[in-house]
Protein backbone atom coordinates (compact mmCIF):
# COMPACT_ATOMS: atom_id res chain seq x y z
CA UNK A 1 110.42 197.54 -5.57
CA UNK A 2 109.70 193.83 -5.64
CA UNK A 3 107.05 192.67 -8.11
CA UNK A 4 106.09 189.03 -8.73
CA UNK A 5 106.28 188.83 -12.53
CA UNK A 6 103.68 186.53 -14.15
CA UNK A 7 103.51 184.18 -11.16
CA UNK A 8 101.26 181.68 -12.97
CA UNK A 9 102.94 181.83 -16.39
CA UNK A 10 104.60 178.77 -17.86
CA UNK A 11 106.46 176.99 -16.31
CA UNK A 12 105.45 178.44 -12.90
CA UNK A 13 101.87 177.20 -13.03
CA UNK A 14 101.79 176.36 -9.32
CA UNK A 15 102.74 179.81 -8.05
CA UNK A 16 105.44 178.51 -5.72
CA UNK A 17 106.33 181.65 -3.73
CA UNK A 18 107.01 181.12 -0.05
CA UNK A 19 105.44 183.20 2.72
CA UNK A 20 108.65 185.20 3.27
CA UNK A 21 108.73 186.24 -0.40
CA UNK A 22 105.05 187.20 -0.50
CA UNK A 23 105.52 189.31 2.62
CA UNK A 24 108.25 191.30 0.87
CA UNK A 25 106.32 191.88 -2.35
CA UNK A 26 105.19 195.36 -3.34
CA UNK A 27 102.97 194.04 -6.11
CA UNK A 28 101.94 191.21 -8.38
CA UNK A 29 101.84 191.34 -12.17
CA UNK A 30 98.16 190.59 -12.79
CA UNK A 31 98.12 191.25 -16.54
CA UNK A 32 100.95 189.85 -18.64
CA UNK A 33 100.33 189.84 -22.37
CA UNK A 34 102.74 186.91 -22.90
CA UNK A 35 100.68 184.51 -20.80
CA UNK A 36 99.01 182.00 -23.08
CA UNK A 37 95.78 181.71 -21.10
CA UNK A 38 93.57 184.43 -19.59
CA UNK A 39 93.17 182.14 -16.57
CA UNK A 40 96.85 182.71 -15.69
CA UNK A 41 96.21 186.44 -15.30
CA UNK A 42 92.97 185.80 -13.38
CA UNK A 43 94.84 183.61 -10.87
CA UNK A 44 97.49 186.33 -10.47
CA UNK A 45 94.76 188.92 -9.80
CA UNK A 46 93.25 186.68 -7.10
CA UNK A 47 96.72 186.30 -5.56
CA UNK A 48 97.37 190.05 -5.51
CA UNK A 49 94.02 190.77 -3.91
CA UNK A 50 94.33 187.98 -1.33
CA UNK A 51 97.77 189.30 -0.33
CA UNK A 52 96.71 192.97 -0.43
CA UNK A 53 99.42 193.82 -2.99
CA UNK A 54 99.52 196.34 -5.83
CA UNK A 55 98.16 195.13 -9.18
CA UNK A 56 100.67 195.56 -12.03
CA UNK A 57 100.44 195.05 -15.81
CA UNK A 58 103.29 194.41 -18.20
CA UNK A 59 103.56 193.56 -21.88
CA UNK A 60 106.74 191.46 -21.47
CA UNK A 61 107.19 192.26 -25.16
CA UNK A 62 109.25 189.88 -27.25
CA UNK A 63 108.25 191.59 -30.51
CA UNK A 64 107.53 195.16 -31.57
CA UNK A 65 103.81 194.38 -31.96
CA UNK A 66 103.52 193.44 -28.28
CA UNK A 67 104.86 196.69 -26.82
CA UNK A 68 102.12 198.26 -24.70
CA UNK A 69 99.78 195.27 -25.02
CA UNK A 70 99.53 195.19 -21.21
CA UNK A 71 100.30 198.07 -18.85
CA UNK A 72 99.87 199.52 -15.37
CA UNK A 73 97.28 202.22 -14.71
CA UNK A 74 98.14 204.75 -12.01
CA UNK A 75 97.47 208.41 -11.26
CA UNK A 76 101.16 209.27 -11.62
CA UNK A 77 103.20 211.62 -13.79
CA UNK A 78 106.67 210.77 -12.47
CA UNK A 79 108.60 207.72 -11.41
CA UNK A 80 108.32 208.73 -7.75
CA UNK A 81 104.54 209.12 -8.05
CA UNK A 82 104.35 205.69 -9.69
CA UNK A 83 106.38 204.14 -6.86
CA UNK A 84 104.09 205.80 -4.33
CA UNK A 85 101.01 204.50 -6.16
CA UNK A 86 102.44 200.97 -6.07
CA UNK A 87 103.33 201.24 -2.37
CA UNK A 88 99.80 202.53 -1.62
CA UNK A 89 98.18 199.85 -3.80
CA UNK A 90 96.59 202.46 -6.06
CA UNK A 91 97.39 200.72 -9.38
CA UNK A 92 95.57 198.42 -11.78
CA UNK A 93 96.88 196.06 -14.43
CA UNK A 94 95.20 196.45 -17.81
CA UNK A 95 95.46 195.28 -21.40
CA UNK A 96 95.15 191.95 -23.14
CA UNK A 97 96.93 188.84 -24.32
CA UNK A 98 99.21 188.63 -27.33
CA UNK A 99 98.01 186.67 -30.32
CA UNK A 100 99.02 183.00 -30.46
CA UNK A 101 100.62 183.82 -33.83
CA UNK A 102 102.96 186.28 -32.07
CA UNK A 103 103.95 183.51 -29.63
CA UNK A 104 104.62 181.17 -32.55
CA UNK A 105 106.70 183.79 -34.37
CA UNK A 106 108.89 184.60 -31.35
CA UNK A 107 109.30 180.90 -30.50
CA UNK A 108 110.35 180.17 -34.09
CA UNK A 109 112.81 183.07 -34.05
CA UNK A 110 114.41 181.76 -30.83
CA UNK A 111 114.92 178.34 -32.44
CA UNK A 112 116.51 179.92 -35.51
CA UNK A 113 118.87 181.94 -33.29
CA UNK A 114 119.88 178.85 -31.33
CA UNK A 115 120.54 176.88 -34.50
CA UNK A 116 122.56 179.76 -35.95
CA UNK A 117 124.79 179.85 -32.85
CA UNK A 118 125.53 176.13 -33.22
CA UNK A 119 126.96 176.63 -36.71
């Protein structure tokens, strides 16, 4: 399955997918909890609907507290049923955005890791 992950998240604010790529897509991630602005998810939802693609949610968790913050709703109880729901565009992205403090904490941790590797 081919899903466009957070197509309007930083640094991809312009949504630069070509027509060939959008034709191949099974879905678009319309709720990503790591996006900084709700508008980024709203633009992704408009894209999915304009292309007639499945709507997907994903937490993109960088910390334990973010797991499950965003998710995909589907009437499915197996991986095959979930794939079928995506192919048939019977899914919805749901959830919310992570706290700005979570973003700050994970960004700070990445800097510390990079500095530690330089030593």
